[in-house]
C-alpha cells in the first residue's frame, strides 16, 4: 500500500516538472535544458528559430506531463483493484504508452530536420 503512494507521488512530481519546463519553454526560457541544443556550437544556436524551438519543446513537455498523469491514474486504478483483468490492464497501460511513443518518434524526426 505504501509503495503505491510513493510511485504515484514520483509520477506526480515528474509530471509537475514537465509542466514547469513546458511553461518556461513557452516563454523562451530555459532552452539549455533541451537535449542537443546545449551541445550545438554557438553560431548554429544563433541560426535556429528560437520561437519555433521553444513552442515545440513546450508542447512536448506538456504532452509528457499529461502522459505521466494518465499513467499515474491508471496505475492507481490497477493497484487499488478498481479495474480487474489482465486484458483491461494491458489496454489501460499500453494504449497511452503507444500514443506517447508514436508522438515522440514523430517529434524526433521533426526536430532532427529543424536542427540540420
Protein backbone atom coordinates (compact mmCIF):
# COMPACT_ATOMS: atom_id res chain seq x y z
CA UNK A 1 0.00 0.00 0.00
CA UNK A 2 2.78 2.43 0.94
CA UNK A 3 4.72 1.71 -2.27
CA UNK A 4 1.64 2.65 -4.34
CA UNK A 5 1.64 6.10 -2.81
CA UNK A 6 5.37 6.51 -3.44
CA UNK A 7 5.02 5.50 -7.10
CA UNK A 8 2.12 7.91 -7.60
CA UNK A 9 3.99 10.75 -5.87
CA UNK A 10 7.08 10.19 -8.04
CA UNK A 11 4.97 10.24 -11.21
CA UNK A 12 3.19 13.36 -9.97
CA UNK A 13 6.50 15.12 -9.28
CA UNK A 14 7.81 14.25 -12.76
CA UNK A 15 4.55 15.49 -14.29
CA UNK A 16 4.81 18.77 -12.40
CA UNK A 17 8.43 19.18 -13.53
CA UNK A 18 7.29 18.59 -17.11
CA UNK A 19 4.59 21.26 -16.77
CA UNK A 20 7.07 23.75 -15.27
CA UNK A 21 9.53 23.06 -18.10
CA UNK A 22 6.73 23.41 -20.65
CA UNK A 23 5.74 26.77 -19.20
CA UNK A 24 9.30 28.12 -19.27
CA UNK A 25 9.93 26.74 -22.75
CA UNK A 26 6.79 28.51 -23.99
CA UNK A 27 8.23 31.78 -22.66
CA UNK A 28 11.53 31.14 -24.49
CA UNK A 29 13.40 30.48 -21.25
CA UNK A 30 15.49 27.53 -20.09
CA UNK A 31 16.26 26.41 -23.65
CA UNK A 32 19.58 24.99 -22.46
CA UNK A 33 17.58 22.13 -20.88
CA UNK A 34 16.65 20.89 -24.36
CA UNK A 35 18.67 17.83 -25.26
CA UNK A 36 21.11 18.56 -28.06
CA UNK A 37 20.57 22.32 -28.01
CA UNK A 38 23.27 22.95 -25.45
CA UNK A 39 25.73 20.81 -27.45
CA UNK A 40 25.34 22.89 -30.61
CA UNK A 41 28.06 25.40 -31.42
CA UNK A 42 27.12 28.98 -30.61
CA UNK A 43 26.86 30.04 -34.27
CA UNK A 44 24.48 27.16 -35.03
CA UNK A 45 22.36 28.03 -31.98
CA UNK A 46 22.07 31.60 -33.22
CA UNK A 47 20.72 30.41 -36.59
CA UNK A 48 17.92 28.35 -35.04
CA UNK A 49 14.45 29.83 -34.84
CA UNK A 50 14.09 30.01 -31.07
CA UNK A 51 10.36 30.74 -31.20
CA UNK A 52 9.66 27.51 -33.08
CA UNK A 53 12.07 25.56 -30.89
CA UNK A 54 10.52 26.87 -27.66
CA UNK A 55 6.97 26.26 -28.94
CA UNK A 56 7.70 22.68 -29.97
CA UNK A 57 9.62 21.96 -26.76
CA UNK A 58 6.76 23.36 -24.73
CA UNK A 59 4.23 21.12 -26.49
CA UNK A 60 6.39 18.07 -25.94
CA UNK A 61 6.88 18.84 -22.24
CA UNK A 62 3.14 19.34 -21.74
CA UNK A 63 2.36 16.07 -23.54
CA UNK A 64 4.92 14.27 -21.36
CA UNK A 65 3.31 15.72 -18.22
CA UNK A 66 -0.16 14.66 -19.33
CA UNK A 67 1.15 11.19 -20.17
CA UNK A 68 2.68 10.84 -16.70
CA UNK A 69 -0.56 11.91 -15.04
CA UNK A 70 -2.54 9.40 -17.11
CA UNK A 71 -0.10 6.61 -16.27
CA UNK A 72 -0.25 7.53 -12.59
CA UNK A 73 -4.03 7.40 -12.61
CA UNK A 74 -4.06 4.09 -14.48
CA UNK A 75 -1.58 2.58 -12.04
CA UNK A 76 -3.72 3.72 -9.13
CA UNK A 77 -6.79 2.13 -10.73
CA UNK A 78 -4.90 -1.12 -11.18
CA UNK A 79 -3.16 -1.17 -7.80
CA UNK A 80 -6.35 -0.46 -5.87
CA UNK A 81 -8.25 -3.12 -7.85
CA UNK A 82 -10.71 -0.62 -9.27
CA UNK A 83 -10.13 -2.24 -12.64
CA UNK A 84 -9.71 -6.00 -12.87
CA UNK A 85 -8.48 -8.27 -15.61
CA UNK A 86 -5.21 -8.68 -17.48
CA UNK A 87 -6.57 -7.54 -20.85
CA UNK A 88 -8.04 -4.34 -19.44
CA UNK A 89 -4.77 -3.68 -17.59
CA UNK A 90 -2.75 -4.04 -20.76
CA UNK A 91 -5.09 -1.70 -22.63
CA UNK A 92 -5.09 0.91 -19.84
CA UNK A 93 -1.30 0.99 -19.59
CA UNK A 94 -0.36 0.11 -23.15
CA UNK A 95 -2.59 2.42 -25.18
CA UNK A 96 -1.34 5.69 -23.65
CA UNK A 97 2.22 4.40 -23.93
CA UNK A 98 1.81 3.62 -27.64
CA UNK A 99 0.25 7.02 -28.36
CA UNK A 100 3.05 8.74 -26.44
CA UNK A 101 5.72 6.68 -28.20
CA UNK A 102 4.32 7.48 -31.65
CA UNK A 103 4.07 11.16 -30.73
CA UNK A 104 7.69 11.26 -29.52
CA UNK A 105 9.01 9.47 -32.61
CA UNK A 106 7.21 11.96 -34.87
CA UNK A 107 8.63 14.82 -32.81
CA UNK A 108 12.16 13.40 -33.01
CA UNK A 109 12.00 13.32 -36.81
CA UNK A 110 10.64 16.87 -36.93
CA UNK A 111 13.34 18.13 -34.58
CA UNK A 112 16.14 16.43 -36.50
CA UNK A 113 15.00 18.26 -39.64
CA UNK A 114 14.83 21.55 -37.76
CA UNK A 115 18.34 21.29 -36.30
CA UNK A 116 20.08 20.32 -39.56
